[in-house]
Amino acid sequence: MILVVTTYNAEQTGAFKVTVYGPEKAILTPYTTIPLTTTSTSTATTSTTKSRIG
C-alpha cells in the first residue's frame, strides 16, 4: 500500500495522524489547535471638584 497525502495549497503543511484498520480502511486525522486569546479591558473614571471661597 502506498499512501499519498496532498493539500490544495502547496505551502500548507501540518501534523496529522494516520489510523489504519485492516487492508481497506485508513483514517487521516489532522491535528488542529485553537489559539486561546483573551482580551481584558479596564476603564478608569476620575472626577475633580474645585471650590473657591472668597
PDB file of N, CA and C in Angstrom:
ATOM      1  N   MET A   1       0.849  -1.172   0.000  1.00  0.00           N
ATOM      2  CA  MET A   1       0.000   0.000   0.000  1.00  0.00           C
ATOM      3  C   MET A   1       0.895   1.236   0.000  1.00  0.00           C
ATOM      4  N   ILE A   2       0.537   2.211  -0.806  1.00  0.00           N
ATOM      5  CA  ILE A   2       1.231   3.490  -0.854  1.00  0.00           C
ATOM      6  C   ILE A   2       0.229   4.563  -0.464  1.00  0.00           C
ATOM      7  N   LEU A   3       0.600   5.395   0.499  1.00  0.00           N
ATOM      8  CA  LEU A   3      -0.272   6.466   0.974  1.00  0.00           C
ATOM      9  C   LEU A   3       0.285   7.797   0.493  1.00  0.00           C
ATOM     10  N   VAL A   4      -0.534   8.556  -0.231  1.00  0.00           N
ATOM     11  CA  VAL A   4      -0.145   9.870  -0.724  1.00  0.00           C
ATOM     12  C   VAL A   4      -1.140  10.880  -0.178  1.00  0.00           C
ATOM     13  N   VAL A   5      -0.626  11.928   0.464  1.00  0.00           N
ATOM     14  CA  VAL A   5      -1.478  12.969   1.038  1.00  0.00           C
ATOM     15  C   VAL A   5      -1.086  14.292   0.410  1.00  0.00           C
ATOM     16  N   THR A   6      -2.064  15.007  -0.120  1.00  0.00           N
ATOM     17  CA  THR A   6      -1.803  16.320  -0.701  1.00  0.00           C
ATOM     18  C   THR A   6      -2.782  17.327  -0.131  1.00  0.00           C
ATOM     19  N   THR A   7      -2.461  18.592  -0.303  1.00  0.00           N
ATOM     20  CA  THR A   7      -3.359  19.677   0.079  1.00  0.00           C
ATOM     21  C   THR A   7      -3.602  20.550  -1.141  1.00  0.00           C
ATOM     22  N   TYR A   8      -4.595  21.384  -1.056  1.00  0.00           N
ATOM     23  CA  TYR A   8      -4.901  22.298  -2.151  1.00  0.00           C
ATOM     24  C   TYR A   8      -3.769  23.307  -2.325  1.00  0.00           C
ATOM     25  N   ASN A   9      -3.242  23.795  -1.204  1.00  0.00           N
ATOM     26  CA  ASN A   9      -2.178  24.787  -1.225  1.00  0.00           C
ATOM     27  C   ASN A   9      -0.854  24.081  -0.940  1.00  0.00           C
ATOM     28  N   ALA A  10       0.112  24.213  -1.826  1.00  0.00           N
ATOM     29  CA  ALA A  10       1.401  23.545  -1.653  1.00  0.00           C
ATOM     30  C   ALA A  10       2.164  24.054  -0.439  1.00  0.00           C
ATOM     31  N   GLU A  11       1.881  25.269   0.006  1.00  0.00           N
ATOM     32  CA  GLU A  11       2.563  25.839   1.167  1.00  0.00           C
ATOM     33  C   GLU A  11       1.932  25.400   2.485  1.00  0.00           C
ATOM     34  N   GLN A  12       0.803  24.743   2.443  1.00  0.00           N
ATOM     35  CA  GLN A  12       0.105  24.328   3.660  1.00  0.00           C
ATOM     36  C   GLN A  12       0.697  23.017   4.166  1.00  0.00           C
ATOM     37  N   THR A  13       1.205  23.052   5.377  1.00  0.00           N
ATOM     38  CA  THR A  13       1.762  21.851   5.992  1.00  0.00           C
ATOM     39  C   THR A  13       1.190  21.716   7.390  1.00  0.00           C
ATOM     40  N   GLY A  14       1.322  20.569   7.963  1.00  0.00           N
ATOM     41  CA  GLY A  14       0.837  20.377   9.320  1.00  0.00           C
ATOM     42  C   GLY A  14       0.930  18.927   9.735  1.00  0.00           C
ATOM     43  N   ALA A  15       0.725  18.708  11.006  1.00  0.00           N
ATOM     44  CA  ALA A  15       0.792  17.355  11.550  1.00  0.00           C
ATOM     45  C   ALA A  15      -0.551  16.657  11.379  1.00  0.00           C
ATOM     46  N   PHE A  16      -0.498  15.358  11.178  1.00  0.00           N
ATOM     47  CA  PHE A  16      -1.719  14.569  11.104  1.00  0.00           C
ATOM     48  C   PHE A  16      -1.431  13.166  11.599  1.00  0.00           C
ATOM     49  N   LYS A  17      -2.481  12.461  11.931  1.00  0.00           N
ATOM     50  CA  LYS A  17      -2.370  11.099  12.436  1.00  0.00           C
ATOM     51  C   LYS A  17      -2.983  10.161  11.420  1.00  0.00           C
ATOM     52  N   VAL A  18      -2.331   9.053  11.178  1.00  0.00           N
ATOM     53  CA  VAL A  18      -2.834   8.038  10.256  1.00  0.00           C
ATOM     54  C   VAL A  18      -3.247   6.825  11.081  1.00  0.00           C
ATOM     55  N   THR A  19      -4.522   6.426  10.957  1.00  0.00           N
ATOM     56  CA  THR A  19      -5.030   5.239  11.632  1.00  0.00           C
ATOM     57  C   THR A  19      -5.489   4.261  10.568  1.00  0.00           C
ATOM     58  N   VAL A  20      -4.976   3.049  10.613  1.00  0.00           N
ATOM     59  CA  VAL A  20      -5.305   2.047   9.595  1.00  0.00           C
ATOM     60  C   VAL A  20      -6.000   0.870  10.261  1.00  0.00           C
ATOM     61  N   TYR A  21      -7.156   0.481   9.695  1.00  0.00           N
ATOM     62  CA  TYR A  21      -7.910  -0.682  10.148  1.00  0.00           C
ATOM     63  C   TYR A  21      -7.981  -1.678   9.001  1.00  0.00           C
ATOM     64  N   GLY A  22      -7.237  -2.758   9.094  1.00  0.00           N
ATOM     65  CA  GLY A  22      -7.294  -3.776   8.050  1.00  0.00           C
ATOM     66  C   GLY A  22      -6.692  -3.297   6.746  1.00  0.00           C
ATOM     67  N   PRO A  23      -6.931  -4.033   5.672  1.00  0.00           N
ATOM     68  CA  PRO A  23      -6.308  -3.701   4.392  1.00  0.00           C
ATOM     69  C   PRO A  23      -7.046  -2.622   3.603  1.00  0.00           C
ATOM     70  N   GLU A  24      -8.229  -2.192   4.049  1.00  0.00           N
ATOM     71  CA  GLU A  24      -9.023  -1.301   3.203  1.00  0.00           C
ATOM     72  C   GLU A  24      -9.360   0.049   3.808  1.00  0.00           C
ATOM     73  N   LYS A  25      -9.248   0.220   5.112  1.00  0.00           N
ATOM     74  CA  LYS A  25      -9.737   1.454   5.720  1.00  0.00           C
ATOM     75  C   LYS A  25      -8.593   2.219   6.384  1.00  0.00           C
ATOM     76  N   ALA A  26      -8.393   3.435   5.937  1.00  0.00           N
ATOM     77  CA  ALA A  26      -7.398   4.322   6.544  1.00  0.00           C
ATOM     78  C   ALA A  26      -8.080   5.635   6.884  1.00  0.00           C
ATOM     79  N   ILE A  27      -7.788   6.166   8.050  1.00  0.00           N
ATOM     80  CA  ILE A  27      -8.383   7.425   8.504  1.00  0.00           C
ATOM     81  C   ILE A  27      -7.252   8.430   8.719  1.00  0.00           C
ATOM     82  N   LEU A  28      -7.378   9.586   8.109  1.00  0.00           N
ATOM     83  CA  LEU A  28      -6.418  10.674   8.291  1.00  0.00           C
ATOM     84  C   LEU A  28      -7.063  11.720   9.182  1.00  0.00           C
ATOM     85  N   THR A  29      -6.435  12.028  10.287  1.00  0.00           N
ATOM     86  CA  THR A  29      -6.979  12.999  11.224  1.00  0.00           C
ATOM     87  C   THR A  29      -5.976  14.131  11.402  1.00  0.00           C
ATOM     88  N   PRO A  30      -6.347  15.356  11.006  1.00  0.00           N
ATOM     89  CA  PRO A  30      -5.412  16.470  11.213  1.00  0.00           C
ATOM     90  C   PRO A  30      -5.374  16.862  12.682  1.00  0.00           C
ATOM     91  N   TYR A  31      -4.204  17.245  13.135  1.00  0.00           N
ATOM     92  CA  TYR A  31      -4.085  17.805  14.476  1.00  0.00           C
ATOM     93  C   TYR A  31      -4.359  19.293  14.357  1.00  0.00           C
ATOM     94  N   THR A  32      -5.412  19.736  14.994  1.00  0.00           N
ATOM     95  CA  THR A  32      -5.747  21.152  14.942  1.00  0.00           C
ATOM     96  C   THR A  32      -5.651  21.728  16.338  1.00  0.00           C
ATOM     97  N   THR A  33      -5.200  22.944  16.398  1.00  0.00           N
ATOM     98  CA  THR A  33      -5.139  23.650  17.667  1.00  0.00           C
ATOM     99  C   THR A  33      -5.921  24.936  17.538  1.00  0.00           C
ATOM    100  N   ILE A  34      -6.557  25.302  18.599  1.00  0.00           N
ATOM    101  CA  ILE A  34      -7.318  26.545  18.632  1.00  0.00           C
ATOM    102  C   ILE A  34      -6.575  27.491  19.576  1.00  0.00           C
ATOM    103  N   PRO A  35      -6.093  28.612  19.055  1.00  0.00           N
ATOM    104  CA  PRO A  35      -5.389  29.529  19.945  1.00  0.00           C
ATOM    105  C   PRO A  35      -6.337  30.118  20.980  1.00  0.00           C
ATOM    106  N   LEU A  36      -5.887  30.157  22.207  1.00  0.00           N
ATOM    107  CA  LEU A  36      -6.687  30.748  23.270  1.00  0.00           C
ATOM    108  C   LEU A  36      -6.276  32.199  23.415  1.00  0.00           C
ATOM    109  N   THR A  37      -7.190  33.087  23.086  1.00  0.00           N
ATOM    110  CA  THR A  37      -6.914  34.514  23.156  1.00  0.00           C
ATOM    111  C   THR A  37      -7.904  35.145  24.115  1.00  0.00           C
ATOM    112  N   THR A  38      -7.402  35.866  25.074  1.00  0.00           N
ATOM    113  CA  THR A  38      -8.278  36.571  26.000  1.00  0.00           C
ATOM    114  C   THR A  38      -8.014  38.054  25.878  1.00  0.00           C
ATOM    115  N   THR A  39      -9.058  38.817  26.032  1.00  0.00           N
ATOM    116  CA  THR A  39      -8.959  40.270  25.968  1.00  0.00           C
ATOM    117  C   THR A  39      -9.542  40.837  27.248  1.00  0.00           C
ATOM    118  N   SER A  40      -8.791  41.678  27.890  1.00  0.00           N
ATOM    119  CA  SER A  40      -9.312  42.330  29.085  1.00  0.00           C
ATOM    120  C   SER A  40      -9.216  43.833  28.883  1.00  0.00           C
ATOM    121  N   THR A  41     -10.248  44.499  29.323  1.00  0.00           N
ATOM    122  CA  THR A  41     -10.267  45.953  29.228  1.00  0.00           C
ATOM    123  C   THR A  41     -10.594  46.515  30.600  1.00  0.00           C
ATOM    124  N   SER A  42     -10.081  47.674  30.872  1.00  0.00           N
ATOM    125  CA  SER A  42     -10.403  48.342  32.129  1.00  0.00           C
ATOM    126  C   SER A  42     -10.682  49.805  31.827  1.00  0.00           C
ATOM    127  N   THR A  43     -11.598  50.353  32.579  1.00  0.00           N
ATOM    128  CA  THR A  43     -11.977  51.747  32.400  1.00  0.00           C
ATOM    129  C   THR A  43     -11.800  52.461  33.733  1.00  0.00           C
ATOM    130  N   ALA A  44     -11.108  53.571  33.713  1.00  0.00           N
ATOM    131  CA  ALA A  44     -10.904  54.367  34.922  1.00  0.00           C
ATOM    132  C   ALA A  44     -11.590  55.712  34.720  1.00  0.00           C
ATOM    133  N   THR A  45     -12.359  56.107  35.711  1.00  0.00           N
ATOM    134  CA  THR A  45     -13.054  57.392  35.660  1.00  0.00           C
ATOM    135  C   THR A  45     -12.589  58.230  36.844  1.00  0.00           C
ATOM    136  N   THR A  46     -12.176  59.453  36.564  1.00  0.00           N
ATOM    137  CA  THR A  46     -11.701  60.353  37.609  1.00  0.00           C
ATOM    138  C   THR A  46     -12.467  61.659  37.499  1.00  0.00           C
ATOM    139  N   SER A  47     -12.933  62.140  38.642  1.00  0.00           N
ATOM    140  CA  SER A  47     -13.595  63.446  38.646  1.00  0.00           C
ATOM    141  C   SER A  47     -12.933  64.307  39.705  1.00  0.00           C
ATOM    142  N   THR A  48     -12.771  65.586  39.390  1.00  0.00           N
ATOM    143  CA  THR A  48     -12.135  66.538  40.302  1.00  0.00           C
ATOM    144  C   THR A  48     -13.067  67.725  40.474  1.00  0.00           C
ATOM    145  N   THR A  49     -13.261  68.110  41.717  1.00  0.00           N
ATOM    146  CA  THR A  49     -14.115  69.263  42.013  1.00  0.00           C
ATOM    147  C   THR A  49     -13.265  70.312  42.717  1.00  0.00           C
ATOM    148  N   LYS A  50     -13.286  71.536  42.181  1.00  0.00           N
ATOM    149  CA  LYS A  50     -12.552  72.640  42.793  1.00  0.00           C
ATOM    150  C   LYS A  50     -13.563  73.656  43.299  1.00  0.00           C
ATOM    151  N   SER A  51     -13.324  74.145  44.483  1.00  0.00           N
ATOM    152  CA  SER A  51     -14.206  75.193  45.006  1.00  0.00           C
ATOM    153  C   SER A  51     -13.350  76.350  45.491  1.00  0.00           C
ATOM    154  N   ARG A  52     -13.878  77.550  45.310  1.00  0.00           N
ATOM    155  CA  ARG A  52     -13.180  78.754  45.758  1.00  0.00           C
ATOM    156  C   ARG A  52     -14.016  79.422  46.831  1.00  0.00           C
ATOM    157  N   ILE A  53     -13.357  79.813  47.843  1.00  0.00           N
ATOM    158  CA  ILE A  53     -14.028  80.575  48.895  1.00  0.00           C
ATOM    159  C   ILE A  53     -13.419  81.979  48.856  1.00  0.00           C
ATOM    160  N   GLY A  54     -14.267  82.978  48.762  1.00  0.00           N
ATOM    161  CA  GLY A  54     -13.686  84.297  48.786  1.00  0.00           C
ATOM    162  C   GLY A  54     -14.442  85.260  48.082  1.00  0.00           C
TER     163      GLY A  54
END
